[in-house]
Amino acid sequence: MIRKFTGAAIAAALFASAVPAAAHVTFEQREAAVGSTYRAVLRVPHGCAGKATHTVHVRIPEGFFNVKPMPKVGWKLETLTGPYKNAYDSHGKQVTEGVREIVWSGGNLPDEWYDEFIFRGTFAGDLPVDKALHFPVVQECAGGEEAWIDTTGGEEADFPAPGVTLRAKKPAH
């Protein structure tokens, strides 16, 4: 079952963990050019309060389209699709809907281990440069979860959503 992010679920998940985690869920590459294709390697460094991770939800932000997740052996892969707020040009065709959330479930990532969850997509060419685009993540474990959903970009955030800082596209030579 795909767990759709809702305001109440996000708020409850944000406060579900009383102690901030020492390591955060992050992307391997933390910068990308606007208008470019991006291979997102999401790094999950630990479980929830010592428990193994069994589900990872990634919310896809507006402005990142043509999303295709990579299957993982031993995990079930699902996507939730829906309309975009804007239309995006994809090789001359207007794209108005696509993947809005990715869910890998049924796996077993012990707290002592690290793993990566991979997907790719395209950053819209009109996104603001030198700003981060955040991908909220909820990591579910037996008896709890870690909600990496703070999209403020603040240094003091206990549960920051992984983000990619967008840079200007370099001109072709």
N, C-alpha and C. Protein backbone atom coordinates (compact mmCIF):
# COMPACT_ATOMS: atom_id res chain seq x y z
N MET A 1 0.84 -1.18 0.00
CA MET A 1 0.00 0.00 0.00
C MET A 1 0.88 1.23 0.00
N ILE A 2 0.59 2.18 -0.84
CA ILE A 2 1.34 3.42 -0.88
C ILE A 2 0.78 4.35 0.17
N ARG A 3 1.66 4.89 0.98
CA ARG A 3 1.24 5.81 2.03
C ARG A 3 1.42 7.22 1.51
N LYS A 4 0.36 7.86 1.16
CA LYS A 4 0.41 9.21 0.61
C LYS A 4 0.72 10.19 1.74
N PHE A 5 1.66 11.09 1.49
CA PHE A 5 1.99 12.12 2.47
C PHE A 5 0.78 13.01 2.69
N THR A 6 0.40 13.23 3.93
CA THR A 6 -0.65 14.18 4.26
C THR A 6 -0.12 15.11 5.33
N GLY A 7 -0.76 16.24 5.52
CA GLY A 7 -0.32 17.20 6.53
C GLY A 7 -0.27 16.59 7.92
N ALA A 8 -1.31 15.86 8.30
CA ALA A 8 -1.36 15.25 9.63
C ALA A 8 -0.30 14.16 9.77
N ALA A 9 -0.11 13.35 8.72
CA ALA A 9 0.89 12.29 8.78
C ALA A 9 2.29 12.86 8.87
N ILE A 10 2.54 13.93 8.16
CA ILE A 10 3.85 14.56 8.21
C ILE A 10 4.10 15.14 9.60
N ALA A 11 3.12 15.83 10.15
CA ALA A 11 3.29 16.41 11.48
C ALA A 11 3.51 15.33 12.53
N ALA A 12 2.73 14.26 12.46
CA ALA A 12 2.88 13.17 13.42
C ALA A 12 4.24 12.50 13.27
N ALA A 13 4.67 12.29 12.04
CA ALA A 13 5.96 11.66 11.81
C ALA A 13 7.11 12.53 12.26
N LEU A 14 6.98 13.84 12.09
CA LEU A 14 8.04 14.76 12.47
C LEU A 14 8.32 14.68 13.96
N PHE A 15 7.28 14.46 14.75
CA PHE A 15 7.46 14.43 16.19
C PHE A 15 7.52 13.02 16.75
N ALA A 16 7.55 12.01 15.89
CA ALA A 16 7.56 10.62 16.34
C ALA A 16 8.87 10.24 17.02
N SER A 17 9.95 10.86 16.62
CA SER A 17 11.25 10.54 17.20
C SER A 17 11.65 11.65 18.17
N ALA A 18 11.87 11.28 19.41
CA ALA A 18 12.19 12.27 20.43
C ALA A 18 13.64 12.71 20.35
N VAL A 19 14.53 11.84 19.87
CA VAL A 19 15.95 12.16 19.83
C VAL A 19 16.38 12.31 18.38
N PRO A 20 17.02 13.43 18.02
CA PRO A 20 17.48 13.58 16.65
C PRO A 20 18.53 12.52 16.29
N ALA A 21 18.50 12.07 15.08
CA ALA A 21 19.46 11.07 14.62
C ALA A 21 20.80 11.72 14.37
N ALA A 22 21.86 10.95 14.52
CA ALA A 22 23.20 11.47 14.33
C ALA A 22 23.54 11.66 12.86
N ALA A 23 22.97 10.84 12.00
CA ALA A 23 23.24 10.94 10.56
C ALA A 23 21.92 11.15 9.83
N HIS A 24 21.98 11.86 8.74
CA HIS A 24 20.79 12.19 7.99
C HIS A 24 20.71 11.41 6.69
N VAL A 25 19.50 11.28 6.16
CA VAL A 25 19.32 10.74 4.82
C VAL A 25 19.73 11.86 3.86
N THR A 26 20.62 11.54 2.93
CA THR A 26 21.17 12.56 2.03
C THR A 26 21.30 12.00 0.61
N PHE A 27 21.58 12.90 -0.33
CA PHE A 27 21.89 12.50 -1.69
C PHE A 27 23.40 12.43 -1.85
N GLU A 28 23.86 11.50 -2.67
CA GLU A 28 25.29 11.37 -2.96
C GLU A 28 25.80 12.65 -3.64
N GLN A 29 25.08 13.12 -4.67
CA GLN A 29 25.43 14.35 -5.37
C GLN A 29 24.47 15.43 -4.90
N ARG A 30 24.98 16.46 -4.27
CA ARG A 30 24.11 17.48 -3.66
C ARG A 30 23.94 18.73 -4.52
N GLU A 31 24.46 18.69 -5.75
CA GLU A 31 24.28 19.80 -6.69
C GLU A 31 23.93 19.25 -8.06
N ALA A 32 23.16 20.03 -8.81
CA ALA A 32 22.81 19.67 -10.18
C ALA A 32 22.44 20.93 -10.93
N ALA A 33 22.49 20.86 -12.24
CA ALA A 33 22.15 22.01 -13.08
C ALA A 33 20.66 22.01 -13.39
N VAL A 34 20.06 23.20 -13.39
CA VAL A 34 18.67 23.31 -13.81
C VAL A 34 18.58 22.83 -15.26
N GLY A 35 17.47 22.22 -15.61
CA GLY A 35 17.28 21.73 -16.97
C GLY A 35 18.03 20.45 -17.28
N SER A 36 18.65 19.83 -16.26
CA SER A 36 19.44 18.63 -16.52
C SER A 36 18.77 17.38 -15.95
N THR A 37 19.18 16.23 -16.48
CA THR A 37 18.77 14.95 -15.93
C THR A 37 19.66 14.68 -14.73
N TYR A 38 19.07 14.10 -13.69
CA TYR A 38 19.78 13.88 -12.43
C TYR A 38 19.55 12.44 -11.97
N ARG A 39 20.63 11.76 -11.63
CA ARG A 39 20.57 10.41 -11.06
C ARG A 39 20.65 10.59 -9.55
N ALA A 40 19.52 10.41 -8.88
CA ALA A 40 19.44 10.61 -7.44
C ALA A 40 19.81 9.32 -6.72
N VAL A 41 20.90 9.38 -5.96
CA VAL A 41 21.32 8.26 -5.14
C VAL A 41 21.06 8.67 -3.70
N LEU A 42 19.97 8.17 -3.14
CA LEU A 42 19.54 8.51 -1.79
C LEU A 42 20.22 7.55 -0.81
N ARG A 43 20.98 8.12 0.13
CA ARG A 43 21.74 7.31 1.08
C ARG A 43 20.99 7.23 2.41
N VAL A 44 20.70 6.01 2.85
CA VAL A 44 20.04 5.77 4.13
C VAL A 44 21.08 5.14 5.06
N PRO A 45 21.59 5.92 6.06
CA PRO A 45 22.71 5.47 6.86
C PRO A 45 22.39 4.66 8.11
N HIS A 46 21.11 4.55 8.48
CA HIS A 46 20.75 3.85 9.71
C HIS A 46 19.25 3.59 9.75
N GLY A 47 18.81 2.83 10.74
CA GLY A 47 17.39 2.55 10.93
C GLY A 47 16.76 3.58 11.85
N CYS A 48 15.71 3.17 12.56
CA CYS A 48 14.98 4.05 13.47
C CYS A 48 15.17 3.54 14.89
N ALA A 49 15.91 4.28 15.70
CA ALA A 49 16.12 3.92 17.11
C ALA A 49 16.57 2.46 17.25
N GLY A 50 17.50 2.06 16.39
CA GLY A 50 18.06 0.72 16.46
C GLY A 50 17.31 -0.35 15.70
N LYS A 51 16.16 -0.02 15.14
CA LYS A 51 15.34 -0.99 14.40
C LYS A 51 15.63 -0.92 12.90
N ALA A 52 15.48 -2.05 12.23
CA ALA A 52 15.73 -2.14 10.79
C ALA A 52 14.68 -1.37 9.98
N THR A 53 15.13 -0.76 8.89
CA THR A 53 14.24 -0.07 7.96
C THR A 53 13.59 -1.10 7.06
N HIS A 54 12.25 -0.98 6.88
CA HIS A 54 11.55 -1.89 5.98
C HIS A 54 10.83 -1.16 4.85
N THR A 55 10.70 0.19 4.96
CA THR A 55 10.02 0.96 3.91
C THR A 55 10.65 2.34 3.80
N VAL A 56 10.81 2.81 2.57
CA VAL A 56 11.33 4.16 2.31
C VAL A 56 10.38 4.84 1.34
N HIS A 57 9.83 5.99 1.77
CA HIS A 57 8.94 6.82 0.94
C HIS A 57 9.71 8.07 0.52
N VAL A 58 9.66 8.43 -0.74
CA VAL A 58 10.28 9.66 -1.23
C VAL A 58 9.22 10.48 -1.94
N ARG A 59 8.99 11.70 -1.47
CA ARG A 59 8.04 12.60 -2.14
C ARG A 59 8.81 13.38 -3.19
N ILE A 60 8.28 13.42 -4.40
CA ILE A 60 8.92 14.11 -5.52
C ILE A 60 8.41 15.55 -5.56
N PRO A 61 9.31 16.53 -5.47
CA PRO A 61 8.88 17.93 -5.48
C PRO A 61 8.49 18.42 -6.87
N GLU A 62 7.66 19.44 -6.88
CA GLU A 62 7.30 20.10 -8.14
C GLU A 62 8.59 20.62 -8.79
N GLY A 63 8.70 20.44 -10.09
CA GLY A 63 9.89 20.89 -10.81
C GLY A 63 10.86 19.77 -11.12
N PHE A 64 10.61 18.57 -10.59
CA PHE A 64 11.43 17.39 -10.90
C PHE A 64 10.47 16.40 -11.56
N PHE A 65 10.68 16.12 -12.84
CA PHE A 65 9.72 15.33 -13.60
C PHE A 65 10.40 14.22 -14.38
N ASN A 66 9.61 13.41 -15.09
CA ASN A 66 10.11 12.23 -15.81
C ASN A 66 10.84 11.28 -14.86
N VAL A 67 10.29 11.10 -13.69
CA VAL A 67 10.93 10.29 -12.64
C VAL A 67 10.78 8.80 -12.93
N LYS A 68 11.90 8.09 -12.80
CA LYS A 68 11.92 6.63 -12.95
C LYS A 68 12.78 6.05 -11.83
N PRO A 69 12.15 5.29 -10.92
CA PRO A 69 12.93 4.67 -9.84
C PRO A 69 13.61 3.38 -10.31
N MET A 70 14.68 3.01 -9.61
CA MET A 70 15.40 1.78 -9.90
C MET A 70 14.93 0.71 -8.91
N PRO A 71 14.53 -0.47 -9.42
CA PRO A 71 14.15 -1.56 -8.51
C PRO A 71 15.34 -1.99 -7.66
N LYS A 72 15.03 -2.52 -6.46
CA LYS A 72 16.05 -3.07 -5.57
C LYS A 72 15.70 -4.53 -5.31
N VAL A 73 16.66 -5.39 -5.43
CA VAL A 73 16.44 -6.80 -5.14
C VAL A 73 16.00 -6.94 -3.68
N GLY A 74 14.91 -7.68 -3.47
CA GLY A 74 14.40 -7.92 -2.13
C GLY A 74 13.44 -6.86 -1.63
N TRP A 75 13.17 -5.84 -2.44
CA TRP A 75 12.24 -4.77 -2.06
C TRP A 75 11.15 -4.68 -3.12
N LYS A 76 9.93 -4.36 -2.67
CA LYS A 76 8.82 -4.09 -3.59
C LYS A 76 8.88 -2.61 -3.96
N LEU A 77 8.67 -2.30 -5.22
CA LEU A 77 8.73 -0.92 -5.70
C LEU A 77 7.35 -0.49 -6.18
N GLU A 78 6.89 0.66 -5.69
CA GLU A 78 5.61 1.23 -6.11
C GLU A 78 5.80 2.73 -6.36
N THR A 79 4.96 3.27 -7.22
CA THR A 79 4.95 4.71 -7.45
C THR A 79 3.52 5.22 -7.34
N LEU A 80 3.41 6.45 -6.87
CA LEU A 80 2.13 7.15 -6.82
C LEU A 80 2.24 8.27 -7.85
N THR A 81 1.34 8.29 -8.82
CA THR A 81 1.39 9.31 -9.86
C THR A 81 0.27 10.32 -9.65
N GLY A 82 0.45 11.48 -10.25
CA GLY A 82 -0.56 12.52 -10.16
C GLY A 82 -0.19 13.69 -11.04
N PRO A 83 -1.06 14.70 -11.06
CA PRO A 83 -0.80 15.87 -11.91
C PRO A 83 0.30 16.76 -11.34
N TYR A 84 1.01 17.41 -12.23
CA TYR A 84 1.97 18.45 -11.84
C TYR A 84 1.22 19.77 -11.77
N LYS A 85 1.73 20.72 -11.02
CA LYS A 85 1.14 22.06 -10.99
C LYS A 85 1.43 22.79 -12.29
N ASN A 86 2.57 22.47 -12.90
CA ASN A 86 2.99 23.10 -14.15
C ASN A 86 3.17 22.03 -15.22
N ALA A 87 3.19 22.46 -16.46
CA ALA A 87 3.52 21.56 -17.57
C ALA A 87 5.01 21.69 -17.86
N TYR A 88 5.65 20.58 -18.20
CA TYR A 88 7.09 20.58 -18.48
C TYR A 88 7.34 20.03 -19.87
N ASP A 89 8.35 20.59 -20.53
CA ASP A 89 8.71 20.14 -21.87
C ASP A 89 9.66 18.96 -21.76
N SER A 90 9.28 17.86 -22.38
CA SER A 90 10.12 16.67 -22.42
C SER A 90 10.29 16.25 -23.86
N HIS A 91 11.40 16.66 -24.45
CA HIS A 91 11.70 16.32 -25.84
C HIS A 91 10.59 16.77 -26.79
N GLY A 92 10.10 17.99 -26.58
CA GLY A 92 9.08 18.56 -27.45
C GLY A 92 7.65 18.20 -27.09
N LYS A 93 7.46 17.41 -26.06
CA LYS A 93 6.12 17.01 -25.63
C LYS A 93 5.84 17.62 -24.26
N GLN A 94 4.62 18.15 -24.08
CA GLN A 94 4.22 18.71 -22.79
C GLN A 94 3.83 17.59 -21.83
N VAL A 95 4.48 17.56 -20.66
CA VAL A 95 4.21 16.56 -19.64
C VAL A 95 3.45 17.25 -18.51
N THR A 96 2.27 16.75 -18.16
CA THR A 96 1.44 17.39 -17.14
C THR A 96 1.20 16.52 -15.91
N GLU A 97 1.67 15.28 -15.95
CA GLU A 97 1.54 14.40 -14.78
C GLU A 97 2.66 13.39 -14.78
N GLY A 98 2.88 12.79 -13.60
CA GLY A 98 3.94 11.80 -13.49
C GLY A 98 4.09 11.33 -12.06
N VAL A 99 5.21 10.73 -11.77
CA VAL A 99 5.48 10.17 -10.44
C VAL A 99 5.58 11.30 -9.42
N ARG A 100 4.80 11.18 -8.35
CA ARG A 100 4.79 12.17 -7.26
C ARG A 100 5.39 11.59 -5.98
N GLU A 101 5.41 10.25 -5.89
CA GLU A 101 6.00 9.58 -4.73
C GLU A 101 6.52 8.21 -5.14
N ILE A 102 7.64 7.82 -4.54
CA ILE A 102 8.23 6.50 -4.75
C ILE A 102 8.24 5.79 -3.41
N VAL A 103 7.91 4.49 -3.42
CA VAL A 103 7.93 3.70 -2.19
C VAL A 103 8.65 2.38 -2.45
N TRP A 104 9.71 2.15 -1.69
CA TRP A 104 10.36 0.85 -1.64
C TRP A 104 9.92 0.23 -0.33
N SER A 105 9.36 -0.99 -0.35
CA SER A 105 8.87 -1.61 0.88
C SER A 105 9.21 -3.09 0.91
N GLY A 106 9.01 -3.68 2.10
CA GLY A 106 9.21 -5.11 2.26
C GLY A 106 10.66 -5.54 2.36
N GLY A 107 11.55 -4.58 2.48
CA GLY A 107 12.97 -4.90 2.60
C GLY A 107 13.39 -5.05 4.04
N ASN A 108 14.68 -5.22 4.25
CA ASN A 108 15.22 -5.33 5.60
C ASN A 108 16.62 -4.72 5.61
N LEU A 109 16.69 -3.46 6.05
CA LEU A 109 17.96 -2.76 6.16
C LEU A 109 18.26 -2.57 7.64
N PRO A 110 19.09 -3.47 8.24
CA PRO A 110 19.41 -3.35 9.66
C PRO A 110 20.01 -1.99 10.01
N ASP A 111 19.81 -1.58 11.24
CA ASP A 111 20.32 -0.30 11.72
C ASP A 111 21.83 -0.18 11.53
N GLU A 112 22.54 -1.27 11.61
CA GLU A 112 24.00 -1.27 11.50
C GLU A 112 24.49 -1.16 10.06
N TRP A 113 23.59 -1.26 9.10
CA TRP A 113 23.97 -1.25 7.71
C TRP A 113 23.53 0.03 7.02
N TYR A 114 24.06 0.23 5.84
CA TYR A 114 23.81 1.41 5.00
C TYR A 114 23.35 0.91 3.65
N ASP A 115 22.48 1.67 3.00
CA ASP A 115 22.07 1.30 1.64
C ASP A 115 21.71 2.54 0.86
N GLU A 116 21.53 2.36 -0.44
CA GLU A 116 21.17 3.45 -1.35
C GLU A 116 19.92 3.08 -2.13
N PHE A 117 19.09 4.08 -2.38
CA PHE A 117 17.86 3.94 -3.14
C PHE A 117 17.98 4.93 -4.30
N ILE A 118 17.80 4.44 -5.52
CA ILE A 118 18.15 5.23 -6.70
C ILE A 118 16.93 5.50 -7.59
N PHE A 119 16.88 6.72 -8.10
CA PHE A 119 15.88 7.10 -9.10
C PHE A 119 16.48 8.21 -9.96
N ARG A 120 15.86 8.47 -11.08
CA ARG A 120 16.35 9.54 -11.94
C ARG A 120 15.18 10.38 -12.41
N GLY A 121 15.49 11.59 -12.82
CA GLY A 121 14.47 12.50 -13.32
C GLY A 121 15.14 13.72 -13.91
N THR A 122 14.32 14.72 -14.23
CA THR A 122 14.82 15.94 -14.86
C THR A 122 14.39 17.15 -14.06
N PHE A 123 15.33 18.05 -13.82
CA PHE A 123 15.02 19.33 -13.18
C PHE A 123 14.51 20.29 -14.24
N ALA A 124 13.39 20.93 -13.98
CA ALA A 124 12.84 21.91 -14.92
C ALA A 124 13.86 23.03 -15.16
N GLY A 125 13.86 23.56 -16.36
CA GLY A 125 14.82 24.60 -16.73
C GLY A 125 14.55 25.95 -16.11
N ASP A 126 13.35 26.16 -15.55
CA ASP A 126 13.02 27.46 -14.98
C ASP A 126 13.06 27.49 -13.45
N LEU A 127 13.65 26.46 -12.84
CA LEU A 127 13.78 26.46 -11.37
C LEU A 127 14.81 27.50 -10.94
N PRO A 128 14.66 28.06 -9.73
CA PRO A 128 15.61 29.07 -9.27
C PRO A 128 17.01 28.49 -9.05
N VAL A 129 18.00 29.24 -9.49
CA VAL A 129 19.40 28.85 -9.35
C VAL A 129 19.90 29.21 -7.95
N ASP A 130 20.84 28.42 -7.44
CA ASP A 130 21.46 28.61 -6.13
C ASP A 130 20.49 28.42 -4.97
N LYS A 131 19.45 27.66 -5.20
CA LYS A 131 18.50 27.28 -4.15
C LYS A 131 18.37 25.76 -4.17
N ALA A 132 18.04 25.21 -3.00
CA ALA A 132 17.89 23.75 -2.91
C ALA A 132 16.45 23.34 -3.19
N LEU A 133 16.31 22.22 -3.86
CA LEU A 133 15.02 21.58 -4.06
C LEU A 133 15.05 20.34 -3.15
N HIS A 134 14.06 20.24 -2.25
CA HIS A 134 14.06 19.18 -1.25
C HIS A 134 13.11 18.05 -1.60
N PHE A 135 13.51 16.84 -1.20
CA PHE A 135 12.77 15.61 -1.44
C PHE A 135 12.45 14.99 -0.07
N PRO A 136 11.29 15.29 0.53
CA PRO A 136 10.96 14.71 1.83
C PRO A 136 10.95 13.18 1.78
N VAL A 137 11.50 12.57 2.83
CA VAL A 137 11.62 11.12 2.93
C VAL A 137 11.08 10.66 4.28
N VAL A 138 10.27 9.61 4.27
CA VAL A 138 9.85 8.95 5.51
C VAL A 138 10.38 7.54 5.45
N GLN A 139 11.12 7.19 6.49
CA GLN A 139 11.77 5.90 6.62
C GLN A 139 11.02 5.13 7.72
N GLU A 140 10.38 4.01 7.36
CA GLU A 140 9.61 3.23 8.32
C GLU A 140 10.40 2.03 8.82
N CYS A 141 10.27 1.79 10.13
CA CYS A 141 10.94 0.67 10.78
C CYS A 141 9.92 0.00 11.71
N ALA A 142 10.25 -1.17 12.23
CA ALA A 142 9.37 -1.84 13.18
C ALA A 142 9.20 -0.95 14.41
N GLY A 143 7.97 -0.55 14.67
CA GLY A 143 7.69 0.24 15.87
C GLY A 143 8.00 1.72 15.77
N GLY A 144 8.32 2.23 14.61
CA GLY A 144 8.59 3.66 14.51
C GLY A 144 9.00 4.09 13.11
N GLU A 145 9.35 5.36 13.01
CA GLU A 145 9.79 5.89 11.72
C GLU A 145 10.64 7.13 11.95
N GLU A 146 11.39 7.47 10.94
CA GLU A 146 12.17 8.71 10.90
C GLU A 146 11.60 9.51 9.75
N ALA A 147 11.22 10.75 10.01
CA ALA A 147 10.61 11.60 8.98
C ALA A 147 11.58 12.72 8.62
N TRP A 148 12.24 12.55 7.51
CA TRP A 148 13.22 13.53 7.00
C TRP A 148 12.45 14.49 6.10
N ILE A 149 11.69 15.39 6.71
CA ILE A 149 10.71 16.19 5.95
C ILE A 149 10.86 17.70 6.13
N ASP A 150 11.83 18.15 6.90
CA ASP A 150 12.01 19.59 7.11
C ASP A 150 12.64 20.18 5.85
N THR A 151 11.88 20.97 5.11
CA THR A 151 12.35 21.54 3.85
C THR A 151 12.82 22.99 3.99
N THR A 152 13.02 23.46 5.23
CA THR A 152 13.44 24.85 5.44
C THR A 152 14.88 25.09 5.02
N GLY A 153 15.69 24.03 5.03
CA GLY A 153 17.10 24.19 4.69
C GLY A 153 17.92 24.76 5.83
N GLY A 154 17.31 24.90 7.00
CA GLY A 154 18.00 25.48 8.15
C GLY A 154 19.04 24.55 8.74
N GLU A 155 20.15 25.11 9.16
CA GLU A 155 21.24 24.33 9.77
C GLU A 155 20.79 23.64 11.05
N GLU A 156 19.83 24.23 11.75
CA GLU A 156 19.38 23.69 13.03
C GLU A 156 18.33 22.59 12.90
N ALA A 157 17.91 22.26 11.70
CA ALA A 157 16.87 21.26 11.49
C ALA A 157 17.32 19.88 11.99
N ASP A 158 16.49 19.26 12.82
CA ASP A 158 16.80 17.93 13.33
C ASP A 158 16.56 16.84 12.29
N PHE A 159 15.54 17.02 11.45
CA PHE A 159 15.19 16.01 10.46
C PHE A 159 15.07 16.65 9.07
N PRO A 160 16.21 17.12 8.52
CA PRO A 160 16.17 17.81 7.22
C PRO A 160 15.85 16.86 6.07
N ALA A 161 15.00 17.32 5.17
CA ALA A 161 14.74 16.58 3.94
C ALA A 161 15.99 16.66 3.07
N PRO A 162 16.37 15.58 2.42
CA PRO A 162 17.52 15.65 1.53
C PRO A 162 17.23 16.64 0.39
N GLY A 163 18.25 17.38 0.01
CA GLY A 163 18.05 18.39 -1.03
C GLY A 163 19.19 18.43 -2.02
N VAL A 164 18.89 19.06 -3.15
CA VAL A 164 19.86 19.25 -4.22
C VAL A 164 19.90 20.74 -4.52
N THR A 165 21.08 21.34 -4.42
CA THR A 165 21.23 22.76 -4.75
C THR A 165 21.36 22.88 -6.27
N LEU A 166 20.51 23.72 -6.83
CA LEU A 166 20.48 23.87 -8.28
C LEU A 166 21.43 24.97 -8.75
N ARG A 167 22.18 24.68 -9.77
CA ARG A 167 23.16 25.61 -10.34
C ARG A 167 22.76 25.93 -11.77
N ALA A 168 23.33 27.02 -12.28
CA ALA A 168 23.07 27.39 -13.67
C ALA A 168 23.67 26.34 -14.60
N LYS A 169 22.97 26.09 -15.69
CA LYS A 169 23.47 25.13 -16.68
C LYS A 169 24.63 25.76 -17.41
N LYS A 170 25.71 25.01 -17.56
CA LYS A 170 26.88 25.51 -18.26
C LYS A 170 26.60 25.55 -19.75
N PRO A 171 27.02 26.64 -20.42
CA PRO A 171 26.77 26.72 -21.86
C PRO A 171 27.56 25.66 -22.63
N ALA A 172 26.96 25.19 -23.72
CA ALA A 172 27.64 24.20 -24.59
C ALA A 172 28.78 24.89 -25.32
N HIS A 173 29.84 24.15 -25.51
CA HIS A 173 31.03 24.73 -26.19
C HIS A 173 30.94 24.54 -27.66
